[in-house]
Amino acid sequence: MMRVYEAPPAWKPLPKEVASSKYTGEKNSSVIHETVGRALSTWEHAESALIKLYQLLCETKSLAACRAYGTAESVFARYLAQKYAADEFFLNRDENDLRLVVSLLKIYNDAAPYRNQIAHGMAVQPHAFGYFLCPPSYASRRRDTPYPTQQWGLGASYFYRVAEIDHCRDHFENILKARRFQF
């Protein structure tokens, strides 16, 4: 029988803040670059742990399932593969374990947009407010305008400082820690 210890603790999504004299960024971009690296590395560790879950759900010690799982190009595709494998695996097993696994997978899927913002953001200095991680100017779905105007900062969908990136990294770490199984 498989037992999942617990789902990650509740996580509060980041509030939308705009660069301003009250919400100032970092003194240089290097701290943002370093923090982005830590956050993305933590995400990849969580993804790697979830591969083991997939292997378990497929009831195989073979790496064939892991290799196939690794071809899914989006978090949503990997989430669906895990979810359907879990549904099948738990068909004649403990429903509570299924609920815990599905809960973990949902938390993983819901964290993906934050991972994508971190991975696809760029360190910029809007006006005199310090450096932030923001969407690039060409990211039409994350920006109102590609032009750096006086209102440029108002058009970005996120402005992350080190604290906000670390907040996401902590959540990614909790996803990794939650995925502990006994057999």
N, C-alpha and C. Protein backbone atom coordinates (compact mmCIF):
# COMPACT_ATOMS: atom_id res chain seq x y z
N MET A 1 0.84 -1.18 0.00
CA MET A 1 0.00 0.00 0.00
C MET A 1 0.88 1.24 0.00
N MET A 2 0.48 2.24 -0.72
CA MET A 2 1.22 3.49 -0.80
C MET A 2 0.61 4.50 0.16
N ARG A 3 1.43 5.26 0.83
CA ARG A 3 0.96 6.35 1.71
C ARG A 3 1.68 7.63 1.34
N VAL A 4 0.92 8.67 1.14
CA VAL A 4 1.48 9.99 0.89
C VAL A 4 1.46 10.72 2.21
N TYR A 5 2.55 11.32 2.60
CA TYR A 5 2.57 12.01 3.88
C TYR A 5 1.56 13.14 3.93
N GLU A 6 1.72 14.14 3.11
CA GLU A 6 0.77 15.25 3.11
C GLU A 6 1.01 16.17 1.93
N ALA A 7 0.00 16.94 1.62
CA ALA A 7 0.11 17.94 0.55
C ALA A 7 0.90 19.13 1.08
N PRO A 8 1.46 19.94 0.20
CA PRO A 8 2.19 21.12 0.65
C PRO A 8 1.28 22.06 1.44
N PRO A 9 1.88 22.88 2.31
CA PRO A 9 1.06 23.85 3.04
C PRO A 9 0.40 24.83 2.09
N ALA A 10 -0.67 25.44 2.56
CA ALA A 10 -1.37 26.44 1.74
C ALA A 10 -0.40 27.52 1.31
N TRP A 11 -0.55 27.98 0.10
CA TRP A 11 0.34 28.97 -0.46
C TRP A 11 -0.46 30.17 -0.91
N LYS A 12 0.00 31.34 -0.56
CA LYS A 12 -0.68 32.56 -0.97
C LYS A 12 -0.06 33.08 -2.25
N PRO A 13 -0.82 33.16 -3.33
CA PRO A 13 -0.28 33.74 -4.56
C PRO A 13 0.17 35.18 -4.33
N LEU A 14 1.06 35.60 -5.17
CA LEU A 14 1.63 36.94 -5.03
C LEU A 14 0.61 38.02 -5.39
N PRO A 15 0.55 39.09 -4.60
CA PRO A 15 -0.32 40.21 -4.97
C PRO A 15 0.30 40.96 -6.15
N LYS A 16 -0.54 41.59 -6.94
CA LYS A 16 -0.02 42.37 -8.08
C LYS A 16 0.43 43.73 -7.58
N GLU A 17 1.71 43.97 -7.71
CA GLU A 17 2.31 45.25 -7.32
C GLU A 17 2.91 45.89 -8.56
N VAL A 18 2.94 47.21 -8.59
CA VAL A 18 3.52 47.96 -9.70
C VAL A 18 4.71 48.74 -9.17
N ALA A 19 5.80 48.73 -9.93
CA ALA A 19 6.99 49.48 -9.54
C ALA A 19 6.61 50.93 -9.25
N SER A 20 7.04 51.41 -8.08
CA SER A 20 6.72 52.78 -7.68
C SER A 20 7.68 53.20 -6.58
N SER A 21 7.53 54.41 -6.12
CA SER A 21 8.37 54.88 -5.01
C SER A 21 8.06 54.12 -3.72
N LYS A 22 6.89 53.50 -3.64
CA LYS A 22 6.52 52.70 -2.46
C LYS A 22 6.85 51.22 -2.64
N TYR A 23 6.97 50.78 -3.86
CA TYR A 23 7.29 49.38 -4.15
C TYR A 23 8.55 49.40 -5.01
N THR A 24 9.69 49.45 -4.34
CA THR A 24 10.95 49.60 -5.05
C THR A 24 11.64 48.26 -5.24
N GLY A 25 12.43 48.21 -6.29
CA GLY A 25 13.12 46.99 -6.65
C GLY A 25 14.49 46.87 -6.03
N GLU A 26 15.30 46.03 -6.65
CA GLU A 26 16.65 45.74 -6.15
C GLU A 26 17.65 46.78 -6.65
N LYS A 27 18.79 46.86 -5.99
CA LYS A 27 19.83 47.85 -6.36
C LYS A 27 20.56 47.46 -7.64
N ASN A 28 20.59 46.15 -7.96
CA ASN A 28 21.23 45.70 -9.20
C ASN A 28 20.51 44.46 -9.72
N SER A 29 20.80 44.10 -10.94
CA SER A 29 20.09 42.98 -11.56
C SER A 29 20.71 41.63 -11.20
N SER A 30 21.94 41.61 -10.72
CA SER A 30 22.60 40.32 -10.46
C SER A 30 21.89 39.51 -9.38
N VAL A 31 21.34 40.17 -8.37
CA VAL A 31 20.62 39.42 -7.33
C VAL A 31 19.35 38.78 -7.90
N ILE A 32 18.74 39.44 -8.86
CA ILE A 32 17.56 38.86 -9.51
C ILE A 32 17.97 37.63 -10.32
N HIS A 33 19.05 37.74 -11.09
CA HIS A 33 19.52 36.61 -11.89
C HIS A 33 19.85 35.41 -11.01
N GLU A 34 20.50 35.64 -9.89
CA GLU A 34 20.85 34.56 -8.98
C GLU A 34 19.59 33.92 -8.39
N THR A 35 18.64 34.73 -8.00
CA THR A 35 17.41 34.22 -7.40
C THR A 35 16.58 33.45 -8.42
N VAL A 36 16.55 33.92 -9.65
CA VAL A 36 15.85 33.20 -10.71
C VAL A 36 16.47 31.81 -10.89
N GLY A 37 17.78 31.74 -10.89
CA GLY A 37 18.46 30.45 -11.03
C GLY A 37 18.09 29.48 -9.92
N ARG A 38 18.06 29.97 -8.69
CA ARG A 38 17.69 29.12 -7.55
C ARG A 38 16.25 28.63 -7.70
N ALA A 39 15.35 29.54 -8.07
CA ALA A 39 13.93 29.17 -8.19
C ALA A 39 13.73 28.13 -9.28
N LEU A 40 14.36 28.32 -10.42
CA LEU A 40 14.17 27.38 -11.52
C LEU A 40 14.82 26.03 -11.23
N SER A 41 15.93 26.04 -10.54
CA SER A 41 16.57 24.78 -10.16
C SER A 41 15.68 24.01 -9.18
N THR A 42 15.07 24.72 -8.24
CA THR A 42 14.15 24.08 -7.29
C THR A 42 12.95 23.49 -8.03
N TRP A 43 12.42 24.23 -9.00
CA TRP A 43 11.31 23.71 -9.80
C TRP A 43 11.71 22.41 -10.49
N GLU A 44 12.89 22.37 -11.08
CA GLU A 44 13.33 21.17 -11.79
C GLU A 44 13.51 19.99 -10.83
N HIS A 45 13.95 20.26 -9.60
CA HIS A 45 14.04 19.18 -8.61
C HIS A 45 12.65 18.62 -8.31
N ALA A 46 11.67 19.51 -8.19
CA ALA A 46 10.29 19.05 -7.95
C ALA A 46 9.78 18.23 -9.14
N GLU A 47 10.06 18.69 -10.34
CA GLU A 47 9.66 17.94 -11.55
C GLU A 47 10.31 16.56 -11.55
N SER A 48 11.59 16.50 -11.19
CA SER A 48 12.30 15.22 -11.16
C SER A 48 11.69 14.26 -10.15
N ALA A 49 11.28 14.78 -9.01
CA ALA A 49 10.63 13.93 -8.01
C ALA A 49 9.29 13.42 -8.52
N LEU A 50 8.58 14.26 -9.26
CA LEU A 50 7.28 13.83 -9.78
C LEU A 50 7.42 12.73 -10.84
N ILE A 51 8.57 12.64 -11.47
CA ILE A 51 8.81 11.55 -12.42
C ILE A 51 8.76 10.21 -11.68
N LYS A 52 9.31 10.19 -10.47
CA LYS A 52 9.27 8.96 -9.66
C LYS A 52 7.83 8.58 -9.30
N LEU A 53 7.01 9.59 -9.03
CA LEU A 53 5.59 9.33 -8.76
C LEU A 53 4.95 8.70 -9.99
N TYR A 54 5.25 9.23 -11.15
CA TYR A 54 4.68 8.69 -12.39
C TYR A 54 5.10 7.23 -12.58
N GLN A 55 6.35 6.95 -12.31
CA GLN A 55 6.85 5.58 -12.44
C GLN A 55 6.09 4.66 -11.48
N LEU A 56 5.85 5.11 -10.27
CA LEU A 56 5.08 4.33 -9.30
C LEU A 56 3.65 4.10 -9.79
N LEU A 57 3.02 5.18 -10.28
CA LEU A 57 1.64 5.07 -10.74
C LEU A 57 1.51 4.13 -11.94
N CYS A 58 2.57 4.05 -12.73
CA CYS A 58 2.58 3.13 -13.88
C CYS A 58 2.98 1.71 -13.45
N GLU A 59 3.27 1.54 -12.17
CA GLU A 59 3.62 0.24 -11.60
C GLU A 59 4.76 -0.44 -12.35
N THR A 60 5.84 0.32 -12.55
CA THR A 60 6.99 -0.22 -13.25
C THR A 60 8.29 0.29 -12.64
N LYS A 61 9.29 -0.56 -12.67
CA LYS A 61 10.64 -0.14 -12.27
C LYS A 61 11.43 0.28 -13.52
N SER A 62 10.87 -0.01 -14.66
CA SER A 62 11.51 0.35 -15.92
C SER A 62 11.52 1.87 -16.09
N LEU A 63 12.56 2.36 -16.69
CA LEU A 63 12.63 3.80 -16.97
C LEU A 63 11.87 4.18 -18.24
N ALA A 64 11.23 3.21 -18.87
CA ALA A 64 10.49 3.50 -20.10
C ALA A 64 9.38 4.52 -19.85
N ALA A 65 8.65 4.37 -18.76
CA ALA A 65 7.57 5.32 -18.44
C ALA A 65 8.15 6.71 -18.20
N CYS A 66 9.27 6.77 -17.49
CA CYS A 66 9.91 8.07 -17.22
C CYS A 66 10.37 8.74 -18.51
N ARG A 67 10.94 7.96 -19.40
CA ARG A 67 11.41 8.52 -20.67
C ARG A 67 10.23 9.05 -21.49
N ALA A 68 9.15 8.30 -21.51
CA ALA A 68 7.96 8.75 -22.24
C ALA A 68 7.37 10.00 -21.58
N TYR A 69 7.29 10.00 -20.26
CA TYR A 69 6.78 11.15 -19.51
C TYR A 69 7.61 12.41 -19.83
N GLY A 70 8.91 12.22 -19.98
CA GLY A 70 9.81 13.33 -20.27
C GLY A 70 9.61 13.98 -21.63
N THR A 71 8.82 13.36 -22.49
CA THR A 71 8.56 13.96 -23.80
C THR A 71 7.41 14.96 -23.76
N ALA A 72 6.63 14.94 -22.68
CA ALA A 72 5.52 15.90 -22.56
C ALA A 72 6.12 17.29 -22.40
N GLU A 73 5.72 18.22 -23.24
CA GLU A 73 6.40 19.52 -23.31
C GLU A 73 5.81 20.60 -22.42
N SER A 74 4.73 20.32 -21.72
CA SER A 74 4.17 21.36 -20.85
C SER A 74 3.81 20.77 -19.49
N VAL A 75 3.75 21.63 -18.52
CA VAL A 75 3.32 21.18 -17.19
C VAL A 75 1.93 20.59 -17.26
N PHE A 76 1.05 21.21 -18.03
CA PHE A 76 -0.32 20.72 -18.12
C PHE A 76 -0.35 19.30 -18.71
N ALA A 77 0.46 19.03 -19.72
CA ALA A 77 0.50 17.69 -20.30
C ALA A 77 1.03 16.68 -19.29
N ARG A 78 2.06 17.05 -18.52
CA ARG A 78 2.59 16.15 -17.49
C ARG A 78 1.57 15.97 -16.36
N TYR A 79 0.88 17.05 -16.01
CA TYR A 79 -0.17 16.98 -15.00
C TYR A 79 -1.25 15.97 -15.42
N LEU A 80 -1.71 16.08 -16.67
CA LEU A 80 -2.75 15.16 -17.15
C LEU A 80 -2.26 13.72 -17.16
N ALA A 81 -1.01 13.50 -17.59
CA ALA A 81 -0.47 12.14 -17.59
C ALA A 81 -0.48 11.57 -16.17
N GLN A 82 -0.04 12.38 -15.21
CA GLN A 82 -0.02 11.94 -13.80
C GLN A 82 -1.44 11.69 -13.29
N LYS A 83 -2.34 12.61 -13.58
CA LYS A 83 -3.71 12.51 -13.08
C LYS A 83 -4.39 11.24 -13.59
N TYR A 84 -4.28 10.97 -14.89
CA TYR A 84 -4.93 9.79 -15.44
C TYR A 84 -4.25 8.51 -14.96
N ALA A 85 -2.94 8.56 -14.79
CA ALA A 85 -2.24 7.40 -14.24
C ALA A 85 -2.70 7.16 -12.80
N ALA A 86 -2.88 8.23 -12.03
CA ALA A 86 -3.35 8.11 -10.64
C ALA A 86 -4.77 7.55 -10.59
N ASP A 87 -5.63 8.04 -11.46
CA ASP A 87 -7.01 7.53 -11.51
C ASP A 87 -7.01 6.02 -11.73
N GLU A 88 -6.19 5.56 -12.63
CA GLU A 88 -6.13 4.13 -12.95
C GLU A 88 -5.48 3.35 -11.80
N PHE A 89 -4.38 3.87 -11.27
CA PHE A 89 -3.65 3.20 -10.19
C PHE A 89 -4.53 2.99 -8.96
N PHE A 90 -5.32 4.00 -8.62
CA PHE A 90 -6.12 3.95 -7.40
C PHE A 90 -7.52 3.38 -7.62
N LEU A 91 -7.77 2.82 -8.78
CA LEU A 91 -9.10 2.28 -9.08
C LEU A 91 -9.59 1.33 -7.99
N ASN A 92 -8.72 0.45 -7.53
CA ASN A 92 -9.10 -0.51 -6.48
C ASN A 92 -8.25 -0.32 -5.23
N ARG A 93 -7.86 0.92 -4.97
CA ARG A 93 -7.05 1.22 -3.79
C ARG A 93 -7.71 2.32 -2.97
N ASP A 94 -7.00 2.77 -1.97
CA ASP A 94 -7.50 3.77 -1.02
C ASP A 94 -7.82 5.10 -1.70
N GLU A 95 -9.08 5.52 -1.60
CA GLU A 95 -9.52 6.78 -2.20
C GLU A 95 -8.87 8.00 -1.56
N ASN A 96 -8.55 7.90 -0.28
CA ASN A 96 -7.88 9.03 0.39
C ASN A 96 -6.50 9.28 -0.21
N ASP A 97 -5.79 8.20 -0.54
CA ASP A 97 -4.49 8.37 -1.19
C ASP A 97 -4.65 9.03 -2.56
N LEU A 98 -5.68 8.63 -3.28
CA LEU A 98 -5.95 9.26 -4.58
C LEU A 98 -6.19 10.75 -4.40
N ARG A 99 -7.00 11.12 -3.43
CA ARG A 99 -7.29 12.54 -3.19
C ARG A 99 -6.01 13.32 -2.87
N LEU A 100 -5.14 12.74 -2.07
CA LEU A 100 -3.88 13.42 -1.73
C LEU A 100 -2.99 13.59 -2.95
N VAL A 101 -2.88 12.55 -3.77
CA VAL A 101 -2.05 12.64 -4.97
C VAL A 101 -2.64 13.67 -5.94
N VAL A 102 -3.94 13.63 -6.16
CA VAL A 102 -4.58 14.59 -7.07
C VAL A 102 -4.43 16.01 -6.53
N SER A 103 -4.51 16.18 -5.23
CA SER A 103 -4.31 17.49 -4.62
C SER A 103 -2.89 18.01 -4.89
N LEU A 104 -1.90 17.14 -4.71
CA LEU A 104 -0.51 17.51 -4.99
C LEU A 104 -0.34 17.88 -6.46
N LEU A 105 -0.93 17.10 -7.34
CA LEU A 105 -0.81 17.37 -8.77
C LEU A 105 -1.47 18.70 -9.15
N LYS A 106 -2.59 19.01 -8.52
CA LYS A 106 -3.25 20.29 -8.79
C LYS A 106 -2.38 21.46 -8.31
N ILE A 107 -1.78 21.32 -7.15
CA ILE A 107 -0.89 22.36 -6.62
C ILE A 107 0.28 22.56 -7.59
N TYR A 108 0.82 21.47 -8.08
CA TYR A 108 1.91 21.52 -9.07
C TYR A 108 1.47 22.26 -10.33
N ASN A 109 0.31 21.88 -10.86
CA ASN A 109 -0.20 22.52 -12.07
C ASN A 109 -0.49 24.01 -11.84
N ASP A 110 -1.04 24.35 -10.68
CA ASP A 110 -1.36 25.75 -10.38
C ASP A 110 -0.11 26.60 -10.17
N ALA A 111 1.01 25.98 -9.83
CA ALA A 111 2.27 26.72 -9.64
C ALA A 111 2.96 27.02 -10.96
N ALA A 112 2.59 26.32 -12.01
CA ALA A 112 3.26 26.45 -13.31
C ALA A 112 3.28 27.88 -13.86
N PRO A 113 2.20 28.66 -13.77
CA PRO A 113 2.28 30.02 -14.31
C PRO A 113 3.36 30.87 -13.63
N TYR A 114 3.58 30.63 -12.33
CA TYR A 114 4.63 31.38 -11.63
C TYR A 114 6.01 30.93 -12.09
N ARG A 115 6.16 29.63 -12.31
CA ARG A 115 7.41 29.13 -12.86
C ARG A 115 7.66 29.77 -14.23
N ASN A 116 6.62 29.85 -15.05
CA ASN A 116 6.77 30.42 -16.38
C ASN A 116 7.11 31.90 -16.33
N GLN A 117 6.49 32.63 -15.41
CA GLN A 117 6.82 34.05 -15.29
C GLN A 117 8.29 34.23 -14.90
N ILE A 118 8.76 33.40 -14.00
CA ILE A 118 10.17 33.50 -13.58
C ILE A 118 11.08 33.10 -14.72
N ALA A 119 10.76 32.01 -15.41
CA ALA A 119 11.62 31.52 -16.49
C ALA A 119 11.66 32.46 -17.69
N HIS A 120 10.56 33.15 -17.96
CA HIS A 120 10.47 33.97 -19.16
C HIS A 120 10.54 35.47 -18.87
N GLY A 121 10.81 35.82 -17.62
CA GLY A 121 10.94 37.24 -17.28
C GLY A 121 12.33 37.76 -17.59
N MET A 122 12.48 39.06 -17.47
CA MET A 122 13.79 39.68 -17.66
C MET A 122 13.99 40.75 -16.60
N ALA A 123 15.25 40.90 -16.18
CA ALA A 123 15.56 41.90 -15.16
C ALA A 123 15.63 43.26 -15.84
N VAL A 124 14.81 44.18 -15.38
CA VAL A 124 14.77 45.54 -15.95
C VAL A 124 14.70 46.56 -14.82
N GLN A 125 15.01 47.79 -15.18
CA GLN A 125 14.92 48.89 -14.24
C GLN A 125 13.95 49.93 -14.80
N PRO A 126 12.67 49.83 -14.39
CA PRO A 126 11.70 50.82 -14.88
C PRO A 126 11.86 52.14 -14.13
N HIS A 127 12.29 53.12 -14.86
CA HIS A 127 12.47 54.46 -14.29
C HIS A 127 13.46 54.40 -13.13
N ALA A 128 13.19 55.02 -12.03
CA ALA A 128 14.16 55.10 -10.92
C ALA A 128 13.74 54.22 -9.75
N PHE A 129 12.99 53.17 -10.01
CA PHE A 129 12.44 52.38 -8.91
C PHE A 129 13.22 51.12 -8.59
N GLY A 130 14.37 50.92 -9.18
CA GLY A 130 15.16 49.73 -8.94
C GLY A 130 14.89 48.65 -9.98
N TYR A 131 15.57 47.51 -9.80
CA TYR A 131 15.45 46.40 -10.75
C TYR A 131 14.38 45.41 -10.31
N PHE A 132 13.65 44.93 -11.30
CA PHE A 132 12.58 43.95 -11.09
C PHE A 132 12.67 42.88 -12.17
N LEU A 133 12.07 41.74 -11.91
CA LEU A 133 11.84 40.73 -12.94
C LEU A 133 10.47 41.02 -13.51
N CYS A 134 10.42 41.27 -14.82
CA CYS A 134 9.17 41.64 -15.51
C CYS A 134 9.05 40.87 -16.81
N PRO A 135 7.84 40.84 -17.37
CA PRO A 135 7.71 40.20 -18.68
C PRO A 135 8.42 41.05 -19.74
N PRO A 136 8.95 40.41 -20.77
CA PRO A 136 9.60 41.17 -21.84
C PRO A 136 8.57 41.99 -22.62
N SER A 137 9.06 42.98 -23.32
CA SER A 137 8.18 43.91 -24.03
C SER A 137 7.34 43.22 -25.11
N TYR A 138 7.82 42.11 -25.67
CA TYR A 138 7.08 41.43 -26.73
C TYR A 138 6.01 40.47 -26.21
N ALA A 139 5.93 40.28 -24.90
CA ALA A 139 4.98 39.33 -24.31
C ALA A 139 3.59 39.95 -24.28
N SER A 140 2.90 39.87 -25.36
CA SER A 140 1.62 40.56 -25.52
C SER A 140 0.58 40.19 -24.48
N ARG A 141 0.56 38.94 -24.03
CA ARG A 141 -0.43 38.54 -23.03
C ARG A 141 -0.06 39.02 -21.62
N ARG A 142 1.15 39.48 -21.46
CA ARG A 142 1.60 39.92 -20.13
C ARG A 142 1.92 41.41 -20.07
N ARG A 143 1.63 42.11 -21.17
CA ARG A 143 1.91 43.54 -21.23
C ARG A 143 0.83 44.26 -22.00
N ASP A 144 0.49 45.44 -21.51
CA ASP A 144 -0.50 46.27 -22.22
C ASP A 144 0.11 46.94 -23.43
N THR A 145 1.39 47.29 -23.34
CA THR A 145 2.05 47.98 -24.44
C THR A 145 3.52 47.56 -24.51
N PRO A 146 4.09 47.45 -25.71
CA PRO A 146 5.51 47.11 -25.81
C PRO A 146 6.42 48.34 -25.70
N TYR A 147 5.83 49.53 -25.62
CA TYR A 147 6.62 50.75 -25.65
C TYR A 147 6.99 51.24 -24.25
N PRO A 148 8.26 51.54 -24.02
CA PRO A 148 8.67 52.06 -22.72
C PRO A 148 8.29 53.54 -22.57
N THR A 149 7.12 53.77 -22.06
CA THR A 149 6.63 55.13 -21.86
C THR A 149 6.60 55.43 -20.37
N GLN A 150 6.11 56.60 -20.02
CA GLN A 150 5.97 56.94 -18.61
C GLN A 150 5.05 55.94 -17.91
N GLN A 151 4.10 55.39 -18.64
CA GLN A 151 3.16 54.42 -18.08
C GLN A 151 3.65 52.98 -18.28
N TRP A 152 4.87 52.80 -18.74
CA TRP A 152 5.39 51.48 -19.07
C TRP A 152 5.18 50.50 -17.93
N GLY A 153 5.49 50.91 -16.71
CA GLY A 153 5.38 50.02 -15.57
C GLY A 153 3.97 49.56 -15.31
N LEU A 154 3.00 50.36 -15.66
CA LEU A 154 1.61 49.98 -15.42
C LEU A 154 1.15 48.88 -16.37
N GLY A 155 1.85 48.69 -17.48
CA GLY A 155 1.43 47.71 -18.47
C GLY A 155 1.89 46.30 -18.21
N ALA A 156 2.84 46.10 -17.29
CA ALA A 156 3.37 44.75 -17.03
C ALA A 156 2.47 44.01 -16.04
N SER A 157 2.31 42.72 -16.26
CA SER A 157 1.43 41.93 -15.39
C SER A 157 2.10 41.51 -14.08
N TYR A 158 3.43 41.65 -13.99
CA TYR A 158 4.11 41.35 -12.73
C TYR A 158 5.42 42.11 -12.62
N PHE A 159 5.77 42.42 -11.39
CA PHE A 159 7.04 43.05 -11.01
C PHE A 159 7.55 42.28 -9.80
N TYR A 160 8.52 41.42 -10.00
CA TYR A 160 9.03 40.59 -8.90
C TYR A 160 10.39 41.09 -8.45
N ARG A 161 10.52 41.20 -7.15
CA ARG A 161 11.81 41.45 -6.52
C ARG A 161 12.33 40.09 -6.05
N VAL A 162 13.47 40.10 -5.40
CA VAL A 162 14.03 38.86 -4.86
C VAL A 162 13.04 38.21 -3.91
N ALA A 163 12.38 38.99 -3.06
CA ALA A 163 11.44 38.43 -2.08
C ALA A 163 10.29 37.67 -2.76
N GLU A 164 9.76 38.21 -3.85
CA GLU A 164 8.65 37.54 -4.54
C GLU A 164 9.12 36.27 -5.26
N ILE A 165 10.31 36.32 -5.84
CA ILE A 165 10.86 35.13 -6.52
C ILE A 165 11.13 34.05 -5.48
N ASP A 166 11.69 34.44 -4.33
CA ASP A 166 11.94 33.47 -3.26
C ASP A 166 10.64 32.90 -2.71
N HIS A 167 9.60 33.69 -2.68
CA HIS A 167 8.28 33.20 -2.24
C HIS A 167 7.82 32.05 -3.15
N CYS A 168 8.01 32.24 -4.45
CA CYS A 168 7.67 31.18 -5.40
C CYS A 168 8.59 29.98 -5.22
N ARG A 169 9.89 30.22 -5.05
CA ARG A 169 10.84 29.12 -4.86
C ARG A 169 10.47 28.30 -3.63
N ASP A 170 10.06 28.96 -2.56
CA ASP A 170 9.64 28.25 -1.35
C ASP A 170 8.45 27.33 -1.65
N HIS A 171 7.54 27.81 -2.47
CA HIS A 171 6.38 27.00 -2.85
C HIS A 171 6.84 25.79 -3.68
N PHE A 172 7.76 26.00 -4.60
CA PHE A 172 8.28 24.90 -5.40
C PHE A 172 8.96 23.87 -4.49
N GLU A 173 9.68 24.37 -3.48
CA GLU A 173 10.34 23.49 -2.51
C GLU A 173 9.32 22.67 -1.73
N ASN A 174 8.21 23.28 -1.37
CA ASN A 174 7.16 22.57 -0.65
C ASN A 174 6.52 21.47 -1.50
N ILE A 175 6.42 21.72 -2.80
CA ILE A 175 5.92 20.68 -3.71
C ILE A 175 6.88 19.50 -3.71
N LEU A 176 8.16 19.79 -3.75
CA LEU A 176 9.18 18.75 -3.72
C LEU A 176 9.12 17.97 -2.41
N LYS A 177 9.01 18.64 -1.29
CA LYS A 177 9.00 17.98 0.02
C LYS A 177 7.72 17.16 0.24
N ALA A 178 6.62 17.57 -0.35
CA ALA A 178 5.35 16.87 -0.14
C ALA A 178 5.33 15.52 -0.81
N ARG A 179 6.11 15.36 -1.84
CA ARG A 179 6.10 14.13 -2.63
C ARG A 179 7.02 13.09 -1.98
N ARG A 180 6.59 12.55 -0.86
CA ARG A 180 7.34 11.49 -0.18
C ARG A 180 6.40 10.27 -0.05
N PHE A 181 6.89 9.14 -0.48
CA PHE A 181 6.03 7.96 -0.51
C PHE A 181 6.63 6.82 0.28
N GLN A 182 5.77 5.99 0.81
CA GLN A 182 6.16 4.73 1.46
C GLN A 182 5.47 3.61 0.68
N PHE A 183 6.09 2.47 0.71
CA PHE A 183 5.48 1.31 0.04
C PHE A 183 5.26 0.21 1.07
